[in-house]
Amino acid sequence: MRITIPVARVLAALLAQPETEHYGLDLMATTDLPSGTLYPVLHRLRGAGWLAAEWEAVDPSTVGRPARRYYRLTAEGVVEARRALAELRALAADQRPGLGGARPGEAPAW
């Protein structure tokens, strides 16, 4: 999996609450990515086995909106996302001292 800045942003957002299911609009707001960038990233993550997706079981006419598709990191996805972001932070620290990521205990701002 190639870890681009949009991929890193999505992974960081998902890792902030790895047990929580997230839907597209929520992830767009969290990552500040447009739908045309977000959904291809989600598709790639699903293809790699890092992400599971399920449609919400609701009647759209009853809830007054379309059903949402919820995304959640798989167990493998949690491990791989943490590894990938750690490698990215280490690479950034090696290339530009002072840009290596967040302070201890803080999530990176990808």
C-alpha atoms as a PDB file:
ATOM      1  CA  MET A   1       0.000   0.000   0.000  1.00  0.00           C
ATOM      2  CA  ARG A   2       1.420   3.350  -1.049  1.00  0.00           C
ATOM      3  CA  ILE A   3       0.929   5.813   1.810  1.00  0.00           C
ATOM      4  CA  THR A   4       0.119   9.202   0.331  1.00  0.00           C
ATOM      5  CA  ILE A   5      -0.890  12.211   2.407  1.00  0.00           C
ATOM      6  CA  PRO A   6      -4.626  11.539   1.797  1.00  0.00           C
ATOM      7  CA  VAL A   7      -4.158   7.880   2.785  1.00  0.00           C
ATOM      8  CA  ALA A   8      -2.260   8.958   5.909  1.00  0.00           C
ATOM      9  CA  ARG A   9      -5.051  11.387   6.834  1.00  0.00           C
ATOM     10  CA  VAL A  10      -7.693   8.686   6.468  1.00  0.00           C
ATOM     11  CA  LEU A  11      -5.641   6.162   8.449  1.00  0.00           C
ATOM     12  CA  ALA A  12      -5.001   8.689  11.228  1.00  0.00           C
ATOM     13  CA  ALA A  13      -8.726   9.505  11.416  1.00  0.00           C
ATOM     14  CA  LEU A  14      -9.664   5.831  11.566  1.00  0.00           C
ATOM     15  CA  LEU A  15      -6.948   5.044  14.131  1.00  0.00           C
ATOM     16  CA  ALA A  16      -8.176   7.834  16.408  1.00  0.00           C
ATOM     17  CA  GLN A  17     -11.173   5.564  17.107  1.00  0.00           C
ATOM     18  CA  PRO A  18     -10.310   2.149  15.659  1.00  0.00           C
ATOM     19  CA  GLU A  19     -13.377   0.371  17.079  1.00  0.00           C
ATOM     20  CA  THR A  20     -15.824   3.005  15.800  1.00  0.00           C
ATOM     21  CA  GLU A  21     -17.601   2.779  12.469  1.00  0.00           C
ATOM     22  CA  HIS A  22     -17.246   5.904  10.349  1.00  0.00           C
ATOM     23  CA  TYR A  23     -19.280   6.991   7.335  1.00  0.00           C
ATOM     24  CA  GLY A  24     -18.113   9.010   4.355  1.00  0.00           C
ATOM     25  CA  LEU A  25     -19.384  12.465   5.316  1.00  0.00           C
ATOM     26  CA  ASP A  26     -17.918  12.052   8.795  1.00  0.00           C
ATOM     27  CA  LEU A  27     -14.535  11.096   7.313  1.00  0.00           C
ATOM     28  CA  MET A  28     -14.673  13.966   4.823  1.00  0.00           C
ATOM     29  CA  ALA A  29     -15.131  16.419   7.702  1.00  0.00           C
ATOM     30  CA  THR A  30     -12.448  14.788   9.861  1.00  0.00           C
ATOM     31  CA  THR A  31      -9.820  14.535   7.119  1.00  0.00           C
ATOM     32  CA  ASP A  32     -10.767  17.676   5.183  1.00  0.00           C
ATOM     33  CA  LEU A  33     -10.681  15.600   1.989  1.00  0.00           C
ATOM     34  CA  PRO A  34     -13.233  15.958  -0.823  1.00  0.00           C
ATOM     35  CA  SER A  35     -15.316  12.945  -1.773  1.00  0.00           C
ATOM     36  CA  GLY A  36     -13.386  12.509  -5.028  1.00  0.00           C
ATOM     37  CA  THR A  37     -10.232  11.904  -2.988  1.00  0.00           C
ATOM     38  CA  LEU A  38     -11.723  10.116   0.023  1.00  0.00           C
ATOM     39  CA  TYR A  39     -13.703   7.361  -1.698  1.00  0.00           C
ATOM     40  CA  PRO A  40     -10.830   6.120  -3.895  1.00  0.00           C
ATOM     41  CA  VAL A  41      -8.678   5.935  -0.739  1.00  0.00           C
ATOM     42  CA  LEU A  42     -11.385   3.941   1.051  1.00  0.00           C
ATOM     43  CA  HIS A  43     -11.653   1.641  -1.965  1.00  0.00           C
ATOM     44  CA  ARG A  44      -7.881   1.026  -1.951  1.00  0.00           C
ATOM     45  CA  LEU A  45      -7.878   0.331   1.792  1.00  0.00           C
ATOM     46  CA  ARG A  46     -10.738  -2.161   1.386  1.00  0.00           C
ATOM     47  CA  GLY A  47      -8.891  -3.850  -1.465  1.00  0.00           C
ATOM     48  CA  ALA A  48      -5.809  -4.222   0.740  1.00  0.00           C
ATOM     49  CA  GLY A  49      -7.902  -5.831   3.487  1.00  0.00           C
ATOM     50  CA  TRP A  50      -7.293  -2.967   5.907  1.00  0.00           C
ATOM     51  CA  LEU A  51     -10.887  -1.759   5.927  1.00  0.00           C
ATOM     52  CA  ALA A  52     -14.287  -3.388   6.285  1.00  0.00           C
ATOM     53  CA  ALA A  53     -17.458  -1.740   5.020  1.00  0.00           C
ATOM     54  CA  GLU A  54     -21.143  -2.386   5.667  1.00  0.00           C
ATOM     55  CA  TRP A  55     -24.317  -0.649   4.598  1.00  0.00           C
ATOM     56  CA  GLU A  56     -26.515   0.671   7.365  1.00  0.00           C
ATOM     57  CA  ALA A  57     -29.679  -1.395   7.749  1.00  0.00           C
ATOM     58  CA  VAL A  58     -32.286   1.389   7.628  1.00  0.00           C
ATOM     59  CA  ASP A  59     -35.211   2.323   5.445  1.00  0.00           C
ATOM     60  CA  PRO A  60     -34.206   5.629   3.811  1.00  0.00           C
ATOM     61  CA  SER A  61     -37.819   6.822   3.655  1.00  0.00           C
ATOM     62  CA  THR A  62     -38.191   6.260   7.396  1.00  0.00           C
ATOM     63  CA  VAL A  63     -34.987   8.031   8.463  1.00  0.00           C
ATOM     64  CA  GLY A  64     -35.271  10.738   5.796  1.00  0.00           C
ATOM     65  CA  ARG A  65     -31.831  10.212   4.256  1.00  0.00           C
ATOM     66  CA  PRO A  66     -29.960   7.642   2.193  1.00  0.00           C
ATOM     67  CA  ALA A  67     -28.483   4.638   3.978  1.00  0.00           C
ATOM     68  CA  ARG A  68     -24.907   5.203   5.051  1.00  0.00           C
ATOM     69  CA  ARG A  69     -21.982   2.931   4.338  1.00  0.00           C
ATOM     70  CA  TYR A  70     -19.930   2.485   7.489  1.00  0.00           C
ATOM     71  CA  TYR A  71     -16.179   1.836   7.429  1.00  0.00           C
ATOM     72  CA  ARG A  72     -14.023   0.295  10.152  1.00  0.00           C
ATOM     73  CA  LEU A  73     -10.408  -0.821  10.247  1.00  0.00           C
ATOM     74  CA  THR A  74      -9.914  -4.581  10.305  1.00  0.00           C
ATOM     75  CA  ALA A  75      -7.545  -6.108  12.875  1.00  0.00           C
ATOM     76  CA  GLU A  76      -4.923  -6.316  10.131  1.00  0.00           C
ATOM     77  CA  GLY A  77      -5.726  -2.737   9.146  1.00  0.00           C
ATOM     78  CA  VAL A  78      -5.077  -1.432  12.654  1.00  0.00           C
ATOM     79  CA  VAL A  79      -1.663  -3.124  12.754  1.00  0.00           C
ATOM     80  CA  GLU A  80      -0.705  -2.068   9.226  1.00  0.00           C
ATOM     81  CA  ALA A  81      -1.996   1.493   9.635  1.00  0.00           C
ATOM     82  CA  ARG A  82       0.010   1.980  12.822  1.00  0.00           C
ATOM     83  CA  ARG A  83       3.096   0.556  11.146  1.00  0.00           C
ATOM     84  CA  ALA A  84       2.661   2.677   8.017  1.00  0.00           C
ATOM     85  CA  LEU A  85       2.136   5.921   9.944  1.00  0.00           C
ATOM     86  CA  ALA A  86       5.108   5.179  12.208  1.00  0.00           C
ATOM     87  CA  GLU A  87       7.287   4.593   9.144  1.00  0.00           C
ATOM     88  CA  LEU A  88       6.019   7.808   7.566  1.00  0.00           C
ATOM     89  CA  ARG A  89       6.765   9.803  10.739  1.00  0.00           C
ATOM     90  CA  ALA A  90      10.250   8.273  10.952  1.00  0.00           C
ATOM     91  CA  LEU A  91      10.905   9.081   7.308  1.00  0.00           C
ATOM     92  CA  ALA A  92       9.739  12.665   7.802  1.00  0.00           C
ATOM     93  CA  ALA A  93      11.934  13.007  10.910  1.00  0.00           C
ATOM     94  CA  ASP A  94      14.967  11.701   8.999  1.00  0.00           C
ATOM     95  CA  GLN A  95      14.425  14.061   6.095  1.00  0.00           C
ATOM     96  CA  ARG A  96      13.497  17.184   8.049  1.00  0.00           C
ATOM     97  CA  PRO A  97      14.320  17.361  11.729  1.00  0.00           C
ATOM     98  CA  GLY A  98      11.463  18.883  13.675  1.00  0.00           C
ATOM     99  CA  LEU A  99       8.752  17.599  11.317  1.00  0.00           C
ATOM    100  CA  GLY A 100       8.737  14.032  12.584  1.00  0.00           C
ATOM    101  CA  GLY A 101       5.199  14.042  13.831  1.00  0.00           C
ATOM    102  CA  ALA A 102       3.277  14.717  16.951  1.00  0.00           C
ATOM    103  CA  ARG A 103       4.545  14.994  20.490  1.00  0.00           C
ATOM    104  CA  PRO A 104       4.291  11.821  22.582  1.00  0.00           C
ATOM    105  CA  GLY A 105       0.648  11.016  23.257  1.00  0.00           C
ATOM    106  CA  GLU A 106      -0.623  13.226  20.410  1.00  0.00           C
ATOM    107  CA  ALA A 107      -2.068  12.022  17.136  1.00  0.00           C
ATOM    108  CA  PRO A 108      -0.258  13.231  14.012  1.00  0.00           C
ATOM    109  CA  ALA A 109      -1.960  15.972  12.013  1.00  0.00           C
ATOM    110  CA  TRP A 110      -2.015  14.079   8.711  1.00  0.00           C
END
